[in-house]
Amino acid sequence: MSECVNYTIKVIVLLYKYRVNSIFLFNMETSNNDNIIAFEHMVNAKLNLDGLTVDKQDDEYINIVKLIKSYLSKRCNHNIVSDLIDISETYSKTIYYCDNCSLTFENP
């Protein structure tokens, strides 16, 4: 099996494990190391999966990304920050994202 497939299987197993236990809500200050490590793995999985262009993502891939975003949304103590990104030489846009989990937000 390829490394990518193995990684995807691990992500799905983690998602299933935490979907079954949906009562658990992540809190960095009170969680044990295993929960923090699992959370960090999900952040890394999201960042890795976000690297594939949208035109190359199939429905199953999109669903995995949605599950990861849901997991992070429920378990992160969001620290939303704003940043100005250049769209062109003359136009910039303000974006909002959590610096803990990297989820993006509309104007909060």
Protein backbone atom coordinates (compact mmCIF):
# COMPACT_ATOMS: atom_id res chain seq x y z
CA MET A 1 0.00 0.00 0.00
CA SER A 2 1.25 3.50 -0.72
CA GLU A 3 2.20 5.86 2.08
CA CYS A 4 -0.66 8.21 1.11
CA VAL A 5 -3.26 5.43 1.36
CA ASN A 6 -1.88 4.30 4.74
CA TYR A 7 -2.03 7.88 6.02
CA THR A 8 -5.59 8.30 4.76
CA ILE A 9 -6.64 5.07 6.48
CA LYS A 10 -5.11 6.30 9.75
CA VAL A 11 -7.03 9.59 9.40
CA ILE A 12 -10.30 7.74 8.81
CA VAL A 13 -9.70 5.52 11.84
CA LEU A 14 -9.02 8.57 14.00
CA LEU A 15 -12.13 10.31 12.67
CA TYR A 16 -14.28 7.26 13.37
CA LYS A 17 -12.84 6.88 16.87
CA TYR A 18 -13.72 10.46 17.76
CA ARG A 19 -17.07 10.52 15.93
CA VAL A 20 -18.21 7.61 18.08
CA ASN A 21 -17.20 9.55 21.18
CA SER A 22 -18.79 12.81 20.09
CA ILE A 23 -19.47 13.92 23.67
CA PHE A 24 -15.75 14.61 24.10
CA LEU A 25 -14.87 18.23 23.40
CA PHE A 26 -11.25 19.17 23.05
CA ASN A 27 -9.78 21.67 25.47
CA MET A 28 -6.02 22.18 25.24
CA GLU A 29 -5.65 23.33 28.83
CA THR A 30 -7.35 20.28 30.40
CA SER A 31 -6.62 17.50 27.90
CA ASN A 32 -4.06 14.77 28.34
CA ASN A 33 -1.08 14.34 26.02
CA ASP A 34 -2.82 11.68 23.89
CA ASN A 35 -5.66 14.07 23.09
CA ILE A 36 -3.23 16.84 22.22
CA ILE A 37 -1.23 14.51 19.97
CA ALA A 38 -4.44 13.35 18.23
CA PHE A 39 -5.47 16.98 17.74
CA GLU A 40 -2.07 17.86 16.28
CA HIS A 41 -2.31 14.92 13.89
CA MET A 42 -5.67 16.18 12.68
CA VAL A 43 -4.26 19.67 12.12
CA ASN A 44 -1.41 18.15 10.12
CA ALA A 45 -3.83 15.97 8.15
CA LYS A 46 -5.92 19.03 7.25
CA LEU A 47 -2.86 20.97 6.14
CA ASN A 48 -1.66 18.03 4.02
CA LEU A 49 -5.06 17.42 2.43
CA ASP A 50 -5.56 21.12 1.71
CA GLY A 51 -2.55 20.91 -0.61
CA LEU A 52 -4.45 19.06 -3.34
CA THR A 53 -6.14 21.37 -5.84
CA VAL A 54 -9.93 21.30 -5.81
CA ASP A 55 -10.17 19.97 -9.37
CA LYS A 56 -8.29 16.82 -8.31
CA GLN A 57 -10.47 16.07 -5.26
CA ASP A 58 -13.19 13.44 -5.58
CA ASP A 59 -16.29 13.19 -3.37
CA GLU A 60 -14.65 10.81 -0.90
CA TYR A 61 -11.65 13.12 -0.51
CA ILE A 62 -13.93 16.12 0.06
CA ASN A 63 -15.88 14.18 2.70
CA ILE A 64 -12.68 13.32 4.58
CA VAL A 65 -11.68 17.00 4.58
CA LYS A 66 -15.15 17.95 5.88
CA LEU A 67 -14.88 15.39 8.69
CA ILE A 68 -11.48 16.72 9.71
CA LYS A 69 -12.79 20.30 9.71
CA SER A 70 -15.74 19.21 11.84
CA TYR A 71 -13.42 17.42 14.26
CA LEU A 72 -11.21 20.50 14.61
CA SER A 73 -14.16 22.87 14.88
CA LYS A 74 -15.62 20.89 17.80
CA ARG A 75 -12.41 20.32 19.71
CA CYS A 76 -10.36 23.49 19.34
CA ASN A 77 -10.32 26.51 21.60
CA HIS A 78 -10.16 28.82 18.61
CA ASN A 79 -7.81 31.77 18.70
CA ILE A 80 -8.94 33.68 15.64
CA VAL A 81 -6.42 36.06 14.14
CA SER A 82 -6.59 38.27 11.09
CA ASP A 83 -4.03 38.58 8.35
CA LEU A 84 -3.78 40.64 5.20
CA ILE A 85 -2.92 38.67 2.06
CA ASP A 86 -2.03 40.06 -1.34
CA ILE A 87 -4.48 39.09 -4.08
CA SER A 88 -2.73 41.17 -6.70
CA GLU A 89 -0.22 44.02 -6.79
CA THR A 90 -2.97 46.52 -5.99
CA TYR A 91 -5.47 44.49 -3.97
CA SER A 92 -5.23 42.84 -0.56
CA LYS A 93 -7.80 40.87 1.40
CA THR A 94 -8.22 40.32 5.12
CA ILE A 95 -8.53 36.67 6.12
CA TYR A 96 -9.43 35.20 9.51
CA TYR A 97 -8.09 31.90 10.75
CA CYS A 98 -7.44 30.03 13.97
CA ASP A 99 -3.77 29.89 14.81
CA ASN A 100 -4.34 26.66 16.78
CA CYS A 101 -6.04 24.53 14.11
CA SER A 102 -5.73 26.61 10.88
CA LEU A 103 -9.48 26.61 10.15
CA THR A 104 -10.57 29.71 8.26
CA PHE A 105 -13.54 31.87 9.19
CA GLU A 106 -15.66 34.55 7.61
CA ASN A 107 -15.53 37.93 9.31
CA PRO A 108 -15.95 36.82 12.96
